[in-house]
PDB file of N, CA and C in Angstrom:
ATOM      1  N   UNK A   1     -15.939 -83.939-155.663  1.00  0.00           N
ATOM      2  CA  UNK A   1     -16.105 -85.033-154.742  1.00  0.00           C
ATOM      3  C   UNK A   1     -15.862 -86.357-155.539  1.00  0.00           C
ATOM      4  N   UNK A   2     -16.368 -86.453-156.755  1.00  0.00           N
ATOM      5  CA  UNK A   2     -16.201 -87.651-157.564  1.00  0.00           C
ATOM      6  C   UNK A   2     -14.714 -87.906-157.849  1.00  0.00           C
ATOM      7  N   UNK A   3     -13.968 -86.803-158.070  1.00  0.00           N
ATOM      8  CA  UNK A   3     -12.520 -86.972-158.326  1.00  0.00           C
ATOM      9  C   UNK A   3     -11.798 -87.515-157.113  1.00  0.00           C
ATOM     10  N   UNK A   4     -12.208 -87.153-155.910  1.00  0.00           N
ATOM     11  CA  UNK A   4     -11.554 -87.694-154.699  1.00  0.00           C
ATOM     12  C   UNK A   4     -11.841 -89.182-154.561  1.00  0.00           C
ATOM     13  N   UNK A   5     -13.043 -89.587-154.922  1.00  0.00           N
ATOM     14  CA  UNK A   5     -13.361 -91.014-154.860  1.00  0.00           C
ATOM     15  C   UNK A   5     -12.537 -91.757-155.954  1.00  0.00           C
ATOM     16  N   UNK A   6     -12.348 -91.174-157.107  1.00  0.00           N
ATOM     17  CA  UNK A   6     -11.553 -91.822-158.122  1.00  0.00           C
ATOM     18  C   UNK A   6     -10.093 -91.994-157.675  1.00  0.00           C
ATOM     19  N   UNK A   7      -9.589 -90.898-157.021  1.00  0.00           N
ATOM     20  CA  UNK A   7      -8.223 -91.009-156.511  1.00  0.00           C
ATOM     21  C   UNK A   7      -8.093 -92.119-155.451  1.00  0.00           C
ATOM     22  N   UNK A   8      -9.112 -92.294-154.653  1.00  0.00           N
ATOM     23  CA  UNK A   8      -9.030 -93.317-153.633  1.00  0.00           C
ATOM     24  C   UNK A   8      -9.054 -94.716-154.228  1.00  0.00           C
ATOM     25  N   UNK A   9      -9.870 -94.894-155.290  1.00  0.00           N
ATOM     26  CA  UNK A   9      -9.915 -96.197-155.882  1.00  0.00           C
ATOM     27  C   UNK A   9      -8.593 -96.486-156.627  1.00  0.00           C
ATOM     28  N   UNK A  10      -8.011 -95.416-157.246  1.00  0.00           N
ATOM     29  CA  UNK A  10      -6.703 -95.617-157.926  1.00  0.00           C
ATOM     30  C   UNK A  10      -5.638 -95.978-156.847  1.00  0.00           C
ATOM     31  N   UNK A  11      -5.697 -95.326-155.712  1.00  0.00           N
ATOM     32  CA  UNK A  11      -4.763 -95.576-154.654  1.00  0.00           C
ATOM     33  C   UNK A  11      -4.910 -97.045-154.146  1.00  0.00           C
ATOM     34  N   UNK A  12      -6.153 -97.513-154.077  1.00  0.00           N
ATOM     35  CA  UNK A  12      -6.404 -98.809-153.587  1.00  0.00           C
ATOM     36  C   UNK A  12      -5.812 -99.890-154.552  1.00  0.00           C
ATOM     37  N   UNK A  13      -5.765 -99.639-155.835  1.00  0.00           N
ATOM     38  CA  UNK A  13      -5.276-100.575-156.819  1.00  0.00           C
ATOM     39  C   UNK A  13      -3.738-100.494-156.887  1.00  0.00           C
ATOM     40  N   UNK A  14      -3.164 -99.464-156.446  1.00  0.00           N
ATOM     41  CA  UNK A  14      -1.707 -99.233-156.602  1.00  0.00           C
ATOM     42  C   UNK A  14      -0.989-100.104-155.528  1.00  0.00           C
ATOM     43  N   UNK A  15      -0.148-101.002-155.964  1.00  0.00           N
ATOM     44  CA  UNK A  15       0.500-101.952-155.004  1.00  0.00           C
ATOM     45  C   UNK A  15       1.985-101.532-154.657  1.00  0.00           C
ATOM     46  N   UNK A  16       2.436-100.487-155.298  1.00  0.00           N
ATOM     47  CA  UNK A  16       3.859-100.062-155.038  1.00  0.00           C
ATOM     48  C   UNK A  16       4.076 -99.683-153.584  1.00  0.00           C
ATOM     49  N   UNK A  17       3.173 -98.942-153.012  1.00  0.00           N
ATOM     50  CA  UNK A  17       3.331 -98.529-151.689  1.00  0.00           C
ATOM     51  C   UNK A  17       3.255 -99.686-150.692  1.00  0.00           C
ATOM     52  N   UNK A  18       2.432-100.628-151.004  1.00  0.00           N
ATOM     53  CA  UNK A  18       2.368-101.813-150.123  1.00  0.00           C
ATOM     54  C   UNK A  18       3.626-102.605-150.121  1.00  0.00           C
ATOM     55  N   UNK A  19       4.189-102.756-151.281  1.00  0.00           N
ATOM     56  CA  UNK A  19       5.508-103.503-151.370  1.00  0.00           C
ATOM     57  C   UNK A  19       6.597-102.766-150.633  1.00  0.00           C
ATOM     58  N   UNK A  20       6.602-101.463-150.790  1.00  0.00           N
ATOM     59  CA  UNK A  20       7.633-100.662-150.059  1.00  0.00           C
ATOM     60  C   UNK A  20       7.445-100.821-148.542  1.00  0.00           C
ATOM     61  N   UNK A  21       6.217-100.773-148.108  1.00  0.00           N
ATOM     62  CA  UNK A  21       5.942-100.961-146.672  1.00  0.00           C
ATOM     63  C   UNK A  21       6.343-102.350-146.175  1.00  0.00           C
ATOM     64  N   UNK A  22       6.104-103.350-146.976  1.00  0.00           N
ATOM     65  CA  UNK A  22       6.528-104.695-146.596  1.00  0.00           C
ATOM     66  C   UNK A  22       8.027-104.815-146.461  1.00  0.00           C
ATOM     67  N   UNK A  23       8.741-104.249-147.389  1.00  0.00           N
ATOM     68  CA  UNK A  23      10.224-104.277-147.332  1.00  0.00           C
ATOM     69  C   UNK A  23      10.690-103.458-146.109  1.00  0.00           C
ATOM     70  N   UNK A  24      10.013-102.385-145.805  1.00  0.00           N
ATOM     71  CA  UNK A  24      10.397-101.611-144.624  1.00  0.00           C
ATOM     72  C   UNK A  24      10.182-102.410-143.348  1.00  0.00           C
ATOM     73  N   UNK A  25       9.080-103.145-143.235  1.00  0.00           N
ATOM     74  CA  UNK A  25       8.786-103.934-142.076  1.00  0.00           C
ATOM     75  C   UNK A  25       9.800-105.075-141.934  1.00  0.00           C
ATOM     76  N   UNK A  26      10.154-105.712-143.048  1.00  0.00           N
ATOM     77  CA  UNK A  26      11.136-106.781-143.023  1.00  0.00           C
ATOM     78  C   UNK A  26      12.509-106.240-142.599  1.00  0.00           C
ATOM     79  N   UNK A  27      12.943-105.056-143.055  1.00  0.00           N
ATOM     80  CA  UNK A  27      14.187-104.470-142.628  1.00  0.00           C
ATOM     81  C   UNK A  27      14.149-104.110-141.168  1.00  0.00           C
ATOM     82  N   UNK A  28      13.060-103.613-140.689  1.00  0.00           N
ATOM     83  CA  UNK A  28      12.957-103.319-139.230  1.00  0.00           C
ATOM     84  C   UNK A  28      13.007-104.562-138.398  1.00  0.00           C
ATOM     85  N   UNK A  29      12.409-105.617-138.827  1.00  0.00           N
ATOM     86  CA  UNK A  29      12.466-106.922-138.117  1.00  0.00           C
ATOM     87  C   UNK A  29      13.887-107.441-138.111  1.00  0.00           C
ATOM     88  N   UNK A  30      14.599-107.406-139.234  1.00  0.00           N
ATOM     89  CA  UNK A  30      15.999-107.855-139.235  1.00  0.00           C
ATOM     90  C   UNK A  30      16.852-107.023-138.296  1.00  0.00           C
ATOM     91  N   UNK A  31      16.594-105.736-138.230  1.00  0.00           N
ATOM     92  CA  UNK A  31      17.407-104.837-137.339  1.00  0.00           C
ATOM     93  C   UNK A  31      17.112-105.223-135.903  1.00  0.00           C
ATOM     94  N   UNK A  32      15.853-105.476-135.553  1.00  0.00           N
ATOM     95  CA  UNK A  32      15.521-105.814-134.140  1.00  0.00           C
ATOM     96  C   UNK A  32      16.158-107.143-133.795  1.00  0.00           C
ATOM     97  N   UNK A  33      16.143-108.120-134.688  1.00  0.00           N
ATOM     98  CA  UNK A  33      16.765-109.426-134.358  1.00  0.00           C
ATOM     99  C   UNK A  33      18.268-109.228-134.247  1.00  0.00           C
ATOM    100  N   UNK A  34      18.915-108.445-135.052  1.00  0.00           N
ATOM    101  CA  UNK A  34      20.347-108.252-134.999  1.00  0.00           C
ATOM    102  C   UNK A  34      20.722-107.528-133.673  1.00  0.00           C
ATOM    103  N   UNK A  35      19.956-106.567-133.265  1.00  0.00           N
ATOM    104  CA  UNK A  35      20.256-105.887-131.997  1.00  0.00           C
ATOM    105  C   UNK A  35      20.043-106.841-130.839  1.00  0.00           C
ATOM    106  N   UNK A  36      18.977-107.615-130.858  1.00  0.00           N
ATOM    107  CA  UNK A  36      18.796-108.614-129.813  1.00  0.00           C
ATOM    108  C   UNK A  36      19.892-109.635-129.735  1.00  0.00           C
ATOM    109  N   UNK A  37      20.366-110.023-130.869  1.00  0.00           N
ATOM    110  CA  UNK A  37      21.442-111.079-130.913  1.00  0.00           C
ATOM    111  C   UNK A  37      22.759-110.498-130.344  1.00  0.00           C
ATOM    112  N   UNK A  38      23.050-109.270-130.743  1.00  0.00           N
ATOM    113  CA  UNK A  38      24.280-108.635-130.186  1.00  0.00           C
ATOM    114  C   UNK A  38      24.164-108.382-128.721  1.00  0.00           C
ATOM    115  N   UNK A  39      22.989-107.960-128.255  1.00  0.00           N
ATOM    116  CA  UNK A  39      22.844-107.719-126.827  1.00  0.00           C
ATOM    117  C   UNK A  39      22.946-109.045-126.016  1.00  0.00           C
ATOM    118  N   UNK A  40      22.409-110.058-126.557  1.00  0.00           N
ATOM    119  CA  UNK A  40      22.411-111.353-125.899  1.00  0.00           C
ATOM    120  C   UNK A  40      23.816-112.019-125.932  1.00  0.00           C
ATOM    121  N   UNK A  41      24.426-111.998-127.019  1.00  0.00           N
ATOM    122  CA  UNK A  41      25.735-112.732-127.118  1.00  0.00           C
ATOM    123  C   UNK A  41      26.908-111.782-127.252  1.00  0.00           C
ATOM    124  N   UNK A  42      26.739-110.512-126.896  1.00  0.00           N
ATOM    125  CA  UNK A  42      27.846-109.582-126.994  1.00  0.00           C
ATOM    126  C   UNK A  42      29.018-109.854-126.169  1.00  0.00           C
ATOM    127  N   UNK A  43      28.854-110.335-124.917  1.00  0.00           N
ATOM    128  CA  UNK A  43      29.963-110.638-124.038  1.00  0.00           C
ATOM    129  C   UNK A  43      30.751-111.849-124.599  1.00  0.00           C
ATOM    130  N   UNK A  44      30.016-112.848-125.051  1.00  0.00           N
ATOM    131  CA  UNK A  44      30.674-114.065-125.581  1.00  0.00           C
ATOM    132  C   UNK A  44      31.449-113.725-126.854  1.00  0.00           C
ATOM    133  N   UNK A  45      30.844-112.882-127.682  1.00  0.00           N
ATOM    134  CA  UNK A  45      31.526-112.507-128.897  1.00  0.00           C
ATOM    135  C   UNK A  45      32.808-111.698-128.615  1.00  0.00           C
ATOM    136  N   UNK A  46      32.745-110.817-127.635  1.00  0.00           N
ATOM    137  CA  UNK A  46      33.888-110.039-127.279  1.00  0.00           C
ATOM    138  C   UNK A  46      35.014-110.916-126.752  1.00  0.00           C
ATOM    139  N   UNK A  47      34.650-111.846-125.880  1.00  0.00           N
ATOM    140  CA  UNK A  47      35.726-112.743-125.330  1.00  0.00           C
ATOM    141  C   UNK A  47      36.282-113.623-126.435  1.00  0.00           C
ATOM    142  N   UNK A  48      35.507-114.044-127.416  1.00  0.00           N
ATOM    143  CA  UNK A  48      36.039-114.838-128.530  1.00  0.00           C
ATOM    144  C   UNK A  48      37.028-114.055-129.339  1.00  0.00           C
ATOM    145  N   UNK A  49      36.767-112.776-129.603  1.00  0.00           N
ATOM    146  CA  UNK A  49      37.668-111.983-130.368  1.00  0.00           C
ATOM    147  C   UNK A  49      38.950-111.680-129.582  1.00  0.00           C
ATOM    148  N   UNK A  50      38.844-111.520-128.244  1.00  0.00           N
ATOM    149  CA  UNK A  50      40.011-111.320-127.412  1.00  0.00           C
ATOM    150  C   UNK A  50      40.893-112.555-127.436  1.00  0.00           C
ATOM    151  N   UNK A  51      40.230-113.763-127.376  1.00  0.00           N
ATOM    152  CA  UNK A  51      41.039-115.011-127.399  1.00  0.00           C
ATOM    153  C   UNK A  51      41.741-115.171-128.706  1.00  0.00           C
ATOM    154  N   UNK A  52      41.063-114.907-129.815  1.00  0.00           N
ATOM    155  CA  UNK A  52      41.700-114.980-131.116  1.00  0.00           C
ATOM    156  C   UNK A  52      42.824-113.958-131.236  1.00  0.00           C
ATOM    157  N   UNK A  53      42.605-112.733-130.768  1.00  0.00           N
ATOM    158  CA  UNK A  53      43.624-111.746-130.792  1.00  0.00           C
ATOM    159  C   UNK A  53      44.837-112.092-130.010  1.00  0.00           C
ATOM    160  N   UNK A  54      44.619-112.755-128.857  1.00  0.00           N
ATOM    161  CA  UNK A  54      45.756-113.183-128.025  1.00  0.00           C
ATOM    162  C   UNK A  54      46.536-114.330-128.680  1.00  0.00           C
ATOM    163  N   UNK A  55      45.840-115.157-129.423  1.00  0.00           N
ATOM    164  CA  UNK A  55      46.477-116.374-130.062  1.00  0.00           C
ATOM    165  C   UNK A  55      47.296-115.996-131.311  1.00  0.00           C
ATOM    166  N   UNK A  56      46.945-114.844-131.947  1.00  0.00           N
ATOM    167  CA  UNK A  56      47.587-114.513-133.232  1.00  0.00           C
ATOM    168  C   UNK A  56      49.121-114.274-133.038  1.00  0.00           C
ATOM    169  N   UNK A  57      49.552-113.478-132.011  1.00  0.00           N
ATOM    170  CA  UNK A  57      51.013-113.269-131.832  1.00  0.00           C
ATOM    171  C   UNK A  57      51.690-114.575-131.526  1.00  0.00           C
ATOM    172  N   UNK A  58      51.090-115.469-130.789  1.00  0.00           N
ATOM    173  CA  UNK A  58      51.768-116.710-130.441  1.00  0.00           C
ATOM    174  C   UNK A  58      51.915-117.569-131.686  1.00  0.00           C
ATOM    175  N   UNK A  59      50.916-117.570-132.618  1.00  0.00           N
ATOM    176  CA  UNK A  59      51.040-118.325-133.812  1.00  0.00           C
ATOM    177  C   UNK A  59      52.125-117.763-134.762  1.00  0.00           C
ATOM    178  N   UNK A  60      52.194-116.425-134.746  1.00  0.00           N
ATOM    179  CA  UNK A  60      53.164-115.783-135.680  1.00  0.00           C
ATOM    180  C   UNK A  60      54.601-116.009-135.207  1.00  0.00           C
ATOM    181  N   UNK A  61      54.810-116.152-133.891  1.00  0.00           N
ATOM    182  CA  UNK A  61      56.157-116.385-133.459  1.00  0.00           C
ATOM    183  C   UNK A  61      56.588-117.834-133.490  1.00  0.00           C
ATOM    184  N   UNK A  62      55.635-118.757-133.798  1.00  0.00           N
ATOM    185  CA  UNK A  62      55.931-120.149-134.052  1.00  0.00           C
ATOM    186  C   UNK A  62      55.823-120.982-132.808  1.00  0.00           C
ATOM    187  N   UNK A  63      55.320-120.451-131.701  1.00  0.00           N
ATOM    188  CA  UNK A  63      55.242-121.316-130.499  1.00  0.00           C
ATOM    189  C   UNK A  63      53.941-122.076-130.366  1.00  0.00           C
TER     190      UNK A  63
END
């Protein structure tokens, strides 16, 4: 029983797991924000790429 308590106190002092958890939460938050941005502005982004794609051949031909 005493050994289990010692393991718990050692675990409480170990900060490596906490840091890894924090990085995981930050990565999840960044992913959620990225997905929300793409869903919100996806149509506008698509039309911008289409416009640029349509303008490239005109620029290449010199008109």
